[in-house]
């Protein structure tokens, strides 16, 4: 059966979520003077730029924005048959004694963020490292949580969350691709459990 796509966030919801995240970053860090943003490629980078633009509009402060490719820092890089496609890492500012905000599109197992933490250490020791994500879909495999979340979206582990951004895809939306077979199995299991419960009454 083909996958079923559910649009869970449209352009307006994404914009509102990022504006709220920007406000929360300013409140938590007592302004923007100590803040730097580092977006994880690919879609964390445009999200970081948008948050920086919102902070500029709110505070009149230009927050430095860096880009990070974590491909070679992943803990599964040596187990994959294909060589990772290495993009660039541009962090052209100091992070020592700064509040570093890592920005990514989706928080899932936590392994991407763990890789980002490893790479940031190579650039110095920040005052704090915080995490901002557009979507937290759950199913963590590591003890990692986001400080700022645009939306919590419940998913099953077999679902696929797709973030599309205007800068990369020509439009803003978040989709959840759900496997119809998994959904059907879930409904069948629920019906069976209901019948059993009714039979015990």
C-alpha atoms as a PDB file:
ATOM      1  CA  UNK A   1       0.000   0.000   0.000  1.00  0.00           C
ATOM      2  CA  UNK A   2       1.235   3.534  -0.694  1.00  0.00           C
ATOM      3  CA  UNK A   3       2.149   5.879   2.120  1.00  0.00           C
ATOM      4  CA  UNK A   4      -0.404   8.427   3.267  1.00  0.00           C
ATOM      5  CA  UNK A   5       0.793  12.019   3.626  1.00  0.00           C
ATOM      6  CA  UNK A   6      -0.656  14.266   6.334  1.00  0.00           C
ATOM      7  CA  UNK A   7       0.148  17.982   6.277  1.00  0.00           C
ATOM      8  CA  UNK A   8       0.700  18.804   9.963  1.00  0.00           C
ATOM      9  CA  UNK A   9       2.156  22.310   9.580  1.00  0.00           C
ATOM     10  CA  UNK A  10       1.552  24.863   6.833  1.00  0.00           C
ATOM     11  CA  UNK A  11       3.502  28.065   6.137  1.00  0.00           C
ATOM     12  CA  UNK A  12       1.580  30.111   8.733  1.00  0.00           C
ATOM     13  CA  UNK A  13       2.097  27.536  11.476  1.00  0.00           C
ATOM     14  CA  UNK A  14       5.809  27.300  10.692  1.00  0.00           C
ATOM     15  CA  UNK A  15       6.151  31.092  10.789  1.00  0.00           C
ATOM     16  CA  UNK A  16       4.317  31.356  14.109  1.00  0.00           C
ATOM     17  CA  UNK A  17       6.392  28.526  15.587  1.00  0.00           C
ATOM     18  CA  UNK A  18       9.703  30.146  14.614  1.00  0.00           C
ATOM     19  CA  UNK A  19       8.583  33.537  15.937  1.00  0.00           C
ATOM     20  CA  UNK A  20       7.710  31.924  19.264  1.00  0.00           C
ATOM     21  CA  UNK A  21      11.071  30.129  19.363  1.00  0.00           C
ATOM     22  CA  UNK A  22      12.868  33.448  18.741  1.00  0.00           C
ATOM     23  CA  UNK A  23      10.979  35.080  21.637  1.00  0.00           C
ATOM     24  CA  UNK A  24      11.821  32.146  23.931  1.00  0.00           C
ATOM     25  CA  UNK A  25      15.519  32.316  23.001  1.00  0.00           C
ATOM     26  CA  UNK A  26      15.603  36.039  23.848  1.00  0.00           C
ATOM     27  CA  UNK A  27      13.798  35.511  27.146  1.00  0.00           C
ATOM     28  CA  UNK A  28      15.951  32.579  28.230  1.00  0.00           C
ATOM     29  CA  UNK A  29      19.235  34.310  27.365  1.00  0.00           C
ATOM     30  CA  UNK A  30      18.283  37.797  28.597  1.00  0.00           C
ATOM     31  CA  UNK A  31      18.524  39.231  25.102  1.00  0.00           C
ATOM     32  CA  UNK A  32      20.588  38.453  22.030  1.00  0.00           C
ATOM     33  CA  UNK A  33      24.031  39.861  22.850  1.00  0.00           C
ATOM     34  CA  UNK A  34      25.536  36.512  23.875  1.00  0.00           C
ATOM     35  CA  UNK A  35      23.643  34.359  21.358  1.00  0.00           C
ATOM     36  CA  UNK A  36      24.978  32.655  18.231  1.00  0.00           C
ATOM     37  CA  UNK A  37      22.986  30.317  16.005  1.00  0.00           C
ATOM     38  CA  UNK A  38      24.377  27.251  14.229  1.00  0.00           C
ATOM     39  CA  UNK A  39      22.085  25.512  11.746  1.00  0.00           C
ATOM     40  CA  UNK A  40      22.597  21.835  10.935  1.00  0.00           C
ATOM     41  CA  UNK A  41      22.616  21.266   7.183  1.00  0.00           C
ATOM     42  CA  UNK A  42      20.462  20.929   5.280  1.00  0.00           C
ATOM     43  CA  UNK A  43      17.239  22.480   6.590  1.00  0.00           C
ATOM     44  CA  UNK A  44      18.462  23.596   9.960  1.00  0.00           C
ATOM     45  CA  UNK A  45      20.499  26.290   8.192  1.00  0.00           C
ATOM     46  CA  UNK A  46      17.573  28.265   6.684  1.00  0.00           C
ATOM     47  CA  UNK A  47      15.652  27.879   9.937  1.00  0.00           C
ATOM     48  CA  UNK A  48      18.591  29.427  11.819  1.00  0.00           C
ATOM     49  CA  UNK A  49      18.645  32.346   9.372  1.00  0.00           C
ATOM     50  CA  UNK A  50      14.914  32.923   9.851  1.00  0.00           C
ATOM     51  CA  UNK A  51      15.230  32.922  13.632  1.00  0.00           C
ATOM     52  CA  UNK A  52      18.137  35.369  13.366  1.00  0.00           C
ATOM     53  CA  UNK A  53      16.049  37.639  11.126  1.00  0.00           C
ATOM     54  CA  UNK A  54      13.206  37.611  13.662  1.00  0.00           C
ATOM     55  CA  UNK A  55      15.618  38.443  16.500  1.00  0.00           C
ATOM     56  CA  UNK A  56      16.991  41.317  14.413  1.00  0.00           C
ATOM     57  CA  UNK A  57      13.456  42.659  13.919  1.00  0.00           C
ATOM     58  CA  UNK A  58      12.688  42.344  17.632  1.00  0.00           C
ATOM     59  CA  UNK A  59      15.967  43.499  19.175  1.00  0.00           C
ATOM     60  CA  UNK A  60      17.897  45.267  16.439  1.00  0.00           C
ATOM     61  CA  UNK A  61      20.788  42.859  17.015  1.00  0.00           C
ATOM     62  CA  UNK A  62      22.545  40.910  14.241  1.00  0.00           C
ATOM     63  CA  UNK A  63      22.991  37.428  15.666  1.00  0.00           C
ATOM     64  CA  UNK A  64      25.871  35.484  14.052  1.00  0.00           C
ATOM     65  CA  UNK A  65      24.670  32.464  12.083  1.00  0.00           C
ATOM     66  CA  UNK A  66      26.863  29.471  11.258  1.00  0.00           C
ATOM     67  CA  UNK A  67      26.302  26.318   9.214  1.00  0.00           C
ATOM     68  CA  UNK A  68      27.298  22.819  10.290  1.00  0.00           C
ATOM     69  CA  UNK A  69      27.665  19.556   8.374  1.00  0.00           C
ATOM     70  CA  UNK A  70      27.758  16.670  10.852  1.00  0.00           C
ATOM     71  CA  UNK A  71      28.225  13.833   8.301  1.00  0.00           C
ATOM     72  CA  UNK A  72      31.701  12.777   9.451  1.00  0.00           C
ATOM     73  CA  UNK A  73      30.768  13.031  13.132  1.00  0.00           C
ATOM     74  CA  UNK A  74      27.903  10.531  12.987  1.00  0.00           C
ATOM     75  CA  UNK A  75      28.428   7.386  15.053  1.00  0.00           C
ATOM     76  CA  UNK A  76      27.168   5.240  12.159  1.00  0.00           C
ATOM     77  CA  UNK A  77      29.362   6.766   9.426  1.00  0.00           C
ATOM     78  CA  UNK A  78      31.686   3.746   9.275  1.00  0.00           C
ATOM     79  CA  UNK A  79      28.819   1.239   9.143  1.00  0.00           C
ATOM     80  CA  UNK A  80      27.291   2.666   5.954  1.00  0.00           C
ATOM     81  CA  UNK A  81      28.268   1.306   2.565  1.00  0.00           C
ATOM     82  CA  UNK A  82      28.037   4.661   0.802  1.00  0.00           C
ATOM     83  CA  UNK A  83      30.498   7.401   1.639  1.00  0.00           C
ATOM     84  CA  UNK A  84      28.804  10.455   3.167  1.00  0.00           C
ATOM     85  CA  UNK A  85      28.392  13.504   0.971  1.00  0.00           C
ATOM     86  CA  UNK A  86      30.357  16.099   2.903  1.00  0.00           C
ATOM     87  CA  UNK A  87      29.012  19.634   2.736  1.00  0.00           C
ATOM     88  CA  UNK A  88      30.615  22.651   4.328  1.00  0.00           C
ATOM     89  CA  UNK A  89      30.852  23.834   7.909  1.00  0.00           C
ATOM     90  CA  UNK A  90      30.985  27.625   8.193  1.00  0.00           C
ATOM     91  CA  UNK A  91      31.418  28.915  11.736  1.00  0.00           C
ATOM     92  CA  UNK A  92      33.270  32.184  11.140  1.00  0.00           C
ATOM     93  CA  UNK A  93      32.956  33.565  14.663  1.00  0.00           C
ATOM     94  CA  UNK A  94      34.138  32.648  18.120  1.00  0.00           C
ATOM     95  CA  UNK A  95      31.914  30.517  20.331  1.00  0.00           C
ATOM     96  CA  UNK A  96      33.931  30.702  23.550  1.00  0.00           C
ATOM     97  CA  UNK A  97      31.731  32.061  26.364  1.00  0.00           C
ATOM     98  CA  UNK A  98      28.790  32.431  23.982  1.00  0.00           C
ATOM     99  CA  UNK A  99      25.341  30.845  24.218  1.00  0.00           C
ATOM    100  CA  UNK A 100      25.298  28.547  21.191  1.00  0.00           C
ATOM    101  CA  UNK A 101      21.884  27.598  19.820  1.00  0.00           C
ATOM    102  CA  UNK A 102      21.961  24.525  17.578  1.00  0.00           C
ATOM    103  CA  UNK A 103      19.066  24.665  15.104  1.00  0.00           C
ATOM    104  CA  UNK A 104      17.631  21.640  13.268  1.00  0.00           C
ATOM    105  CA  UNK A 105      14.389  20.797  11.525  1.00  0.00           C
ATOM    106  CA  UNK A 106      13.423  17.505  13.219  1.00  0.00           C
ATOM    107  CA  UNK A 107      14.486  15.937  16.515  1.00  0.00           C
ATOM    108  CA  UNK A 108      14.107  12.164  16.347  1.00  0.00           C
ATOM    109  CA  UNK A 109      16.598   9.696  17.865  1.00  0.00           C
ATOM    110  CA  UNK A 110      18.993  12.416  19.026  1.00  0.00           C
ATOM    111  CA  UNK A 111      21.997  11.038  17.145  1.00  0.00           C
ATOM    112  CA  UNK A 112      22.284  14.014  14.786  1.00  0.00           C
ATOM    113  CA  UNK A 113      22.375  16.383  17.761  1.00  0.00           C
ATOM    114  CA  UNK A 114      24.985  14.244  19.519  1.00  0.00           C
ATOM    115  CA  UNK A 115      27.152  14.523  16.406  1.00  0.00           C
ATOM    116  CA  UNK A 116      26.678  18.302  16.387  1.00  0.00           C
ATOM    117  CA  UNK A 117      27.786  18.500  20.022  1.00  0.00           C
ATOM    118  CA  UNK A 118      30.967  16.592  19.176  1.00  0.00           C
ATOM    119  CA  UNK A 119      31.768  19.010  16.370  1.00  0.00           C
ATOM    120  CA  UNK A 120      31.087  22.165  18.378  1.00  0.00           C
ATOM    121  CA  UNK A 121      33.648  21.101  20.971  1.00  0.00           C
ATOM    122  CA  UNK A 122      36.284  21.289  18.218  1.00  0.00           C
ATOM    123  CA  UNK A 123      35.582  25.028  17.886  1.00  0.00           C
ATOM    124  CA  UNK A 124      35.943  25.910  21.567  1.00  0.00           C
ATOM    125  CA  UNK A 125      34.043  25.875  24.816  1.00  0.00           C
ATOM    126  CA  UNK A 126      30.799  27.866  24.788  1.00  0.00           C
ATOM    127  CA  UNK A 127      29.034  29.162  27.870  1.00  0.00           C
ATOM    128  CA  UNK A 128      26.017  26.975  27.070  1.00  0.00           C
ATOM    129  CA  UNK A 129      24.809  24.817  24.194  1.00  0.00           C
ATOM    130  CA  UNK A 130      21.068  24.887  23.593  1.00  0.00           C
ATOM    131  CA  UNK A 131      18.874  23.174  21.013  1.00  0.00           C
ATOM    132  CA  UNK A 132      16.042  24.603  18.920  1.00  0.00           C
ATOM    133  CA  UNK A 133      14.008  22.388  16.578  1.00  0.00           C
ATOM    134  CA  UNK A 134      10.999  22.994  14.393  1.00  0.00           C
ATOM    135  CA  UNK A 135       9.556  19.523  15.103  1.00  0.00           C
ATOM    136  CA  UNK A 136      10.051  17.080  17.965  1.00  0.00           C
ATOM    137  CA  UNK A 137       8.644  13.716  16.863  1.00  0.00           C
ATOM    138  CA  UNK A 138       9.768  11.641  19.872  1.00  0.00           C
ATOM    139  CA  UNK A 139      11.421   8.179  19.839  1.00  0.00           C
ATOM    140  CA  UNK A 140      14.681   9.292  21.435  1.00  0.00           C
ATOM    141  CA  UNK A 141      17.587   6.824  21.587  1.00  0.00           C
ATOM    142  CA  UNK A 142      19.864   9.175  23.538  1.00  0.00           C
ATOM    143  CA  UNK A 143      19.194  11.396  26.585  1.00  0.00           C
ATOM    144  CA  UNK A 144      18.807  14.568  24.507  1.00  0.00           C
ATOM    145  CA  UNK A 145      15.978  17.098  24.655  1.00  0.00           C
ATOM    146  CA  UNK A 146      15.243  20.361  22.896  1.00  0.00           C
ATOM    147  CA  UNK A 147      15.181  23.674  24.760  1.00  0.00           C
ATOM    148  CA  UNK A 148      12.940  25.279  22.135  1.00  0.00           C
ATOM    149  CA  UNK A 149      10.353  23.337  20.103  1.00  0.00           C
ATOM    150  CA  UNK A 150       8.168  24.675  17.322  1.00  0.00           C
ATOM    151  CA  UNK A 151       5.736  21.742  17.477  1.00  0.00           C
ATOM    152  CA  UNK A 152       5.531  18.341  19.169  1.00  0.00           C
ATOM    153  CA  UNK A 153       4.161  15.885  16.608  1.00  0.00           C
ATOM    154  CA  UNK A 154       3.328  12.350  17.754  1.00  0.00           C
ATOM    155  CA  UNK A 155       4.528   9.734  15.279  1.00  0.00           C
ATOM    156  CA  UNK A 156       5.136   6.030  15.066  1.00  0.00           C
ATOM    157  CA  UNK A 157       8.705   4.940  14.482  1.00  0.00           C
ATOM    158  CA  UNK A 158       7.883   3.825  10.932  1.00  0.00           C
ATOM    159  CA  UNK A 159       6.505   7.258   9.989  1.00  0.00           C
ATOM    160  CA  UNK A 160       8.655   9.707   8.044  1.00  0.00           C
ATOM    161  CA  UNK A 161       8.568  13.419   8.878  1.00  0.00           C
ATOM    162  CA  UNK A 162       9.336  15.626   5.876  1.00  0.00           C
ATOM    163  CA  UNK A 163      10.108  19.312   6.372  1.00  0.00           C
ATOM    164  CA  UNK A 164       9.852  21.406   3.220  1.00  0.00           C
ATOM    165  CA  UNK A 165      11.129  24.982   3.257  1.00  0.00           C
ATOM    166  CA  UNK A 166      10.782  27.716   0.672  1.00  0.00           C
ATOM    167  CA  UNK A 167      14.565  28.167   0.444  1.00  0.00           C
ATOM    168  CA  UNK A 168      15.071  24.519  -0.549  1.00  0.00           C
ATOM    169  CA  UNK A 169      11.733  23.217  -1.789  1.00  0.00           C
ATOM    170  CA  UNK A 170       9.781  26.246  -3.003  1.00  0.00           C
ATOM    171  CA  UNK A 171       7.171  26.031  -0.237  1.00  0.00           C
ATOM    172  CA  UNK A 172       6.815  25.760   3.542  1.00  0.00           C
ATOM    173  CA  UNK A 173       5.111  22.734   5.041  1.00  0.00           C
ATOM    174  CA  UNK A 174       5.680  19.740   7.291  1.00  0.00           C
ATOM    175  CA  UNK A 175       4.370  16.366   6.166  1.00  0.00           C
ATOM    176  CA  UNK A 176       4.097  13.065   7.978  1.00  0.00           C
ATOM    177  CA  UNK A 177       4.272  10.105   5.633  1.00  0.00           C
ATOM    178  CA  UNK A 178       2.338   7.320   7.279  1.00  0.00           C
ATOM    179  CA  UNK A 179       2.448   3.729   6.086  1.00  0.00           C
ATOM    180  CA  UNK A 180      -1.145   2.676   5.346  1.00  0.00           C
ATOM    181  CA  UNK A 181      -0.233  -0.931   6.147  1.00  0.00           C
ATOM    182  CA  UNK A 182       0.977   0.074   9.609  1.00  0.00           C
ATOM    183  CA  UNK A 183      -2.137   2.183  10.135  1.00  0.00           C
ATOM    184  CA  UNK A 184      -4.393  -0.693   9.091  1.00  0.00           C
ATOM    185  CA  UNK A 185      -2.582  -3.094  11.416  1.00  0.00           C
ATOM    186  CA  UNK A 186      -2.960  -0.614  14.268  1.00  0.00           C
ATOM    187  CA  UNK A 187      -6.696  -0.251  13.669  1.00  0.00           C
ATOM    188  CA  UNK A 188      -7.127  -4.028  13.466  1.00  0.00           C
ATOM    189  CA  UNK A 189      -5.260  -4.486  16.751  1.00  0.00           C
ATOM    190  CA  UNK A 190      -7.402  -1.812  18.420  1.00  0.00           C
ATOM    191  CA  UNK A 191     -10.627  -3.447  17.163  1.00  0.00           C
ATOM    192  CA  UNK A 192      -9.469  -6.854  18.386  1.00  0.00           C
ATOM    193  CA  UNK A 193      -8.653  -5.455  21.819  1.00  0.00           C
ATOM    194  CA  UNK A 194     -12.099  -3.785  21.972  1.00  0.00           C
ATOM    195  CA  UNK A 195     -13.865  -7.052  21.091  1.00  0.00           C
ATOM    196  CA  UNK A 196     -11.914  -8.911  23.772  1.00  0.00           C
ATOM    197  CA  UNK A 197     -12.757  -6.287  26.346  1.00  0.00           C
ATOM    198  CA  UNK A 198     -16.445  -6.393  25.436  1.00  0.00           C
ATOM    199  CA  UNK A 199     -16.398 -10.188  25.640  1.00  0.00           C
ATOM    200  CA  UNK A 200     -15.167  -9.996  29.244  1.00  0.00           C
ATOM    201  CA  UNK A 201     -18.059  -7.767  30.355  1.00  0.00           C
END
